[in-house]
Amino acid sequence: MSRVAVISAVLDEPEKCQQEFNKVLGSFKKIIKGRMGIPFDDEGVSIISVIVIGEMDTINNLTGKLGKIPYVSVKTSVSKKEIRG
């Protein structure tokens, strides 16, 4: 069964990690349903939220890969309700 989740990411040095971040997201495009990014140029930080629907193993795999990117911090919130995905 699938779950709905939101992955929240803070990119502390966007110019150094955005390309790799986007590459990882692209490899999981089948489970991504929406994305919102807000750049804080003056502070040198970007905030990105990614909404996904998928199996927990896949969501955890995506979160883990994003979290391994230097200058990126991630947290994931997952719905308790299982859905057919």
C-alpha atoms as a PDB file:
ATOM      1  CA  MET A   1       0.000   0.000   0.000  1.00  0.00           C
ATOM      2  CA  SER A   2       1.056   3.556  -0.632  1.00  0.00           C
ATOM      3  CA  ARG A   3       1.155   6.614   1.582  1.00  0.00           C
ATOM      4  CA  VAL A   4       0.991  10.346   0.994  1.00  0.00           C
ATOM      5  CA  ALA A   5       3.996  12.242   2.335  1.00  0.00           C
ATOM      6  CA  VAL A   6       5.642  15.629   2.221  1.00  0.00           C
ATOM      7  CA  ILE A   7       9.408  15.883   2.136  1.00  0.00           C
ATOM      8  CA  SER A   8      10.690  19.210   3.436  1.00  0.00           C
ATOM      9  CA  ALA A   9      14.217  20.240   2.528  1.00  0.00           C
ATOM     10  CA  VAL A  10      16.450  23.141   3.505  1.00  0.00           C
ATOM     11  CA  LEU A  11      19.306  23.841   1.110  1.00  0.00           C
ATOM     12  CA  ASP A  12      21.898  25.869   3.021  1.00  0.00           C
ATOM     13  CA  GLU A  13      24.072  26.561  -0.026  1.00  0.00           C
ATOM     14  CA  PRO A  14      21.696  26.204  -2.996  1.00  0.00           C
ATOM     15  CA  GLU A  15      24.312  27.056  -5.596  1.00  0.00           C
ATOM     16  CA  LYS A  16      26.437  24.132  -4.347  1.00  0.00           C
ATOM     17  CA  CYS A  17      23.716  21.462  -4.051  1.00  0.00           C
ATOM     18  CA  GLN A  18      20.678  22.375  -6.180  1.00  0.00           C
ATOM     19  CA  GLN A  19      21.873  20.501  -9.263  1.00  0.00           C
ATOM     20  CA  GLU A  20      22.392  17.215  -7.390  1.00  0.00           C
ATOM     21  CA  PHE A  21      19.128  17.743  -5.461  1.00  0.00           C
ATOM     22  CA  ASN A  22      17.173  18.133  -8.714  1.00  0.00           C
ATOM     23  CA  LYS A  23      18.925  15.118 -10.241  1.00  0.00           C
ATOM     24  CA  VAL A  24      17.833  12.908  -7.331  1.00  0.00           C
ATOM     25  CA  LEU A  25      14.258  14.231  -7.525  1.00  0.00           C
ATOM     26  CA  GLY A  26      14.219  13.525 -11.255  1.00  0.00           C
ATOM     27  CA  SER A  27      15.049   9.884 -10.638  1.00  0.00           C
ATOM     28  CA  PHE A  28      11.898   9.607  -8.458  1.00  0.00           C
ATOM     29  CA  LYS A  29       9.566  11.587 -10.737  1.00  0.00           C
ATOM     30  CA  LYS A  30       6.983   8.774 -10.857  1.00  0.00           C
ATOM     31  CA  ILE A  31       6.009   9.300  -7.198  1.00  0.00           C
ATOM     32  CA  ILE A  32       6.232  13.122  -7.129  1.00  0.00           C
ATOM     33  CA  LYS A  33       2.852  14.852  -7.257  1.00  0.00           C
ATOM     34  CA  GLY A  34       3.887  18.423  -6.497  1.00  0.00           C
ATOM     35  CA  ARG A  35       6.781  20.645  -5.552  1.00  0.00           C
ATOM     36  CA  MET A  36       7.126  24.135  -4.131  1.00  0.00           C
ATOM     37  CA  GLY A  37      10.392  25.962  -3.699  1.00  0.00           C
ATOM     38  CA  ILE A  38      11.046  29.306  -2.052  1.00  0.00           C
ATOM     39  CA  PRO A  39      14.466  30.889  -2.480  1.00  0.00           C
ATOM     40  CA  PHE A  40      15.781  33.201   0.208  1.00  0.00           C
ATOM     41  CA  ASP A  41      18.536  34.760  -1.874  1.00  0.00           C
ATOM     42  CA  ASP A  42      19.636  37.309   0.735  1.00  0.00           C
ATOM     43  CA  GLU A  43      20.107  34.535   3.293  1.00  0.00           C
ATOM     44  CA  GLY A  44      21.659  32.051   0.849  1.00  0.00           C
ATOM     45  CA  VAL A  45      19.026  29.410   1.647  1.00  0.00           C
ATOM     46  CA  SER A  46      16.249  27.675  -0.298  1.00  0.00           C
ATOM     47  CA  ILE A  47      13.262  25.819   1.167  1.00  0.00           C
ATOM     48  CA  ILE A  48      11.655  23.061  -0.904  1.00  0.00           C
ATOM     49  CA  SER A  49       8.565  20.944  -0.202  1.00  0.00           C
ATOM     50  CA  VAL A  50       7.900  17.845  -2.297  1.00  0.00           C
ATOM     51  CA  ILE A  51       4.597  15.948  -2.129  1.00  0.00           C
ATOM     52  CA  VAL A  52       4.854  12.249  -2.961  1.00  0.00           C
ATOM     53  CA  ILE A  53       2.608   9.193  -3.106  1.00  0.00           C
ATOM     54  CA  GLY A  54       4.378   5.865  -2.947  1.00  0.00           C
ATOM     55  CA  GLU A  55       5.426   2.800  -1.015  1.00  0.00           C
ATOM     56  CA  MET A  56       7.255   3.552   2.226  1.00  0.00           C
ATOM     57  CA  ASP A  57      10.449   1.904   0.974  1.00  0.00           C
ATOM     58  CA  THR A  58      10.504   4.255  -2.019  1.00  0.00           C
ATOM     59  CA  ILE A  59       9.737   7.348   0.060  1.00  0.00           C
ATOM     60  CA  ASN A  60      12.458   6.414   2.547  1.00  0.00           C
ATOM     61  CA  ASN A  61      14.910   5.756  -0.294  1.00  0.00           C
ATOM     62  CA  LEU A  62      14.250   9.222  -1.744  1.00  0.00           C
ATOM     63  CA  THR A  63      14.546  10.905   1.652  1.00  0.00           C
ATOM     64  CA  GLY A  64      17.801   9.064   2.377  1.00  0.00           C
ATOM     65  CA  LYS A  65      19.377  10.048  -0.935  1.00  0.00           C
ATOM     66  CA  LEU A  66      18.404  13.695  -0.476  1.00  0.00           C
ATOM     67  CA  GLY A  67      19.740  13.690   3.082  1.00  0.00           C
ATOM     68  CA  LYS A  68      23.162  12.489   1.908  1.00  0.00           C
ATOM     69  CA  ILE A  69      23.655  15.540  -0.296  1.00  0.00           C
ATOM     70  CA  PRO A  70      26.009  18.065   1.336  1.00  0.00           C
ATOM     71  CA  TYR A  71      24.268  21.276   2.534  1.00  0.00           C
ATOM     72  CA  VAL A  72      20.820  19.592   2.454  1.00  0.00           C
ATOM     73  CA  SER A  73      18.659  18.868   5.529  1.00  0.00           C
ATOM     74  CA  VAL A  74      15.457  16.845   5.083  1.00  0.00           C
ATOM     75  CA  LYS A  75      12.463  15.759   7.141  1.00  0.00           C
ATOM     76  CA  THR A  76       9.524  13.679   5.986  1.00  0.00           C
ATOM     77  CA  SER A  77       5.961  13.699   7.281  1.00  0.00           C
ATOM     78  CA  VAL A  78       3.871  10.676   6.290  1.00  0.00           C
ATOM     79  CA  SER A  79       0.117  10.152   6.361  1.00  0.00           C
ATOM     80  CA  LYS A  80      -1.010   7.372   8.686  1.00  0.00           C
ATOM     81  CA  LYS A  81      -3.653   6.381   6.141  1.00  0.00           C
ATOM     82  CA  GLU A  82      -2.717   3.745   3.583  1.00  0.00           C
ATOM     83  CA  ILE A  83      -4.042   4.326   0.071  1.00  0.00           C
ATOM     84  CA  ARG A  84      -4.026   2.475  -3.206  1.00  0.00           C
ATOM     85  CA  GLY A  85      -1.278   4.142  -5.222  1.00  0.00           C
END
